[in-house]
Protein backbone atom coordinates (compact mmCIF):
# COMPACT_ATOMS: atom_id res chain seq x y z
CA UNK A 1 8.98 30.98 59.75
CA UNK A 2 9.29 27.29 60.57
CA UNK A 3 11.66 24.81 58.89
CA UNK A 4 9.10 23.78 56.27
CA UNK A 5 8.62 27.41 55.21
CA UNK A 6 12.37 27.88 54.93
CA UNK A 7 12.69 24.75 52.79
CA UNK A 8 9.92 25.96 50.48
CA UNK A 9 11.65 29.34 50.14
CA UNK A 10 14.90 27.65 49.11
CA UNK A 11 13.05 25.51 46.57
CA UNK A 12 11.39 28.60 45.09
CA UNK A 13 14.74 30.42 44.83
CA UNK A 14 16.32 27.53 43.05
CA UNK A 15 18.19 24.31 43.44
CA UNK A 16 20.62 23.18 40.77
CA UNK A 17 21.72 19.59 40.32
CA UNK A 18 25.21 18.84 39.03
CA UNK A 19 26.22 15.33 37.97
CA UNK A 20 29.93 14.85 37.49
CA UNK A 21 31.29 12.33 35.01
CA UNK A 22 32.66 9.68 34.97
CA UNK A 23 32.01 9.18 38.71
CA UNK A 24 28.30 10.11 38.47
CA UNK A 25 28.63 11.97 41.79
CA UNK A 26 25.60 14.18 42.32
CA UNK A 27 25.99 17.57 43.99
CA UNK A 28 23.18 20.04 44.59
CA UNK A 29 23.55 23.80 44.96
CA UNK A 30 20.72 25.55 46.82
CA UNK A 31 20.27 29.33 46.81
CA UNK A 32 19.56 30.63 50.30
CA UNK A 33 18.77 34.15 51.48
CA UNK A 34 22.37 35.28 51.74
CA UNK A 35 24.49 32.60 50.12
CA UNK A 36 24.64 29.34 48.21
CA UNK A 37 24.70 26.00 49.99
CA UNK A 38 26.50 22.91 48.79
CA UNK A 39 24.60 19.64 49.29
CA UNK A 40 25.94 16.11 48.92
CA UNK A 41 22.82 13.91 49.21
CA UNK A 42 22.76 11.83 52.41
CA UNK A 43 26.26 13.07 53.34
CA UNK A 44 26.66 16.81 53.83
CA UNK A 45 25.15 20.28 53.57
CA UNK A 46 27.06 23.52 54.10
CA UNK A 47 24.07 25.10 55.87
CA UNK A 48 24.11 26.06 59.55
CA UNK A 49 21.22 23.71 60.37
CA UNK A 50 23.22 20.68 59.19
CA UNK A 51 26.09 21.75 61.44
CA UNK A 52 23.79 22.20 64.45
CA UNK A 53 21.68 19.07 63.97
CA UNK A 54 24.24 16.59 62.64
CA UNK A 55 27.75 17.66 63.59
CA UNK A 56 27.10 19.00 67.09
CA UNK A 57 24.35 16.55 68.10
CA UNK A 58 26.22 13.46 66.94
């Protein structure tokens, strides 16, 4: 499966949005095939693809 298919699979499995008060920081938790992934919008994702594409290729 390509990246788009993988993204659609994650969306189908579930993504939960958490908004923390009083800072209003938004954190998303995505359910992958084998684990949960922590997402800070525009900053960070705990997935392997983020590590490969952003951290290593920087």
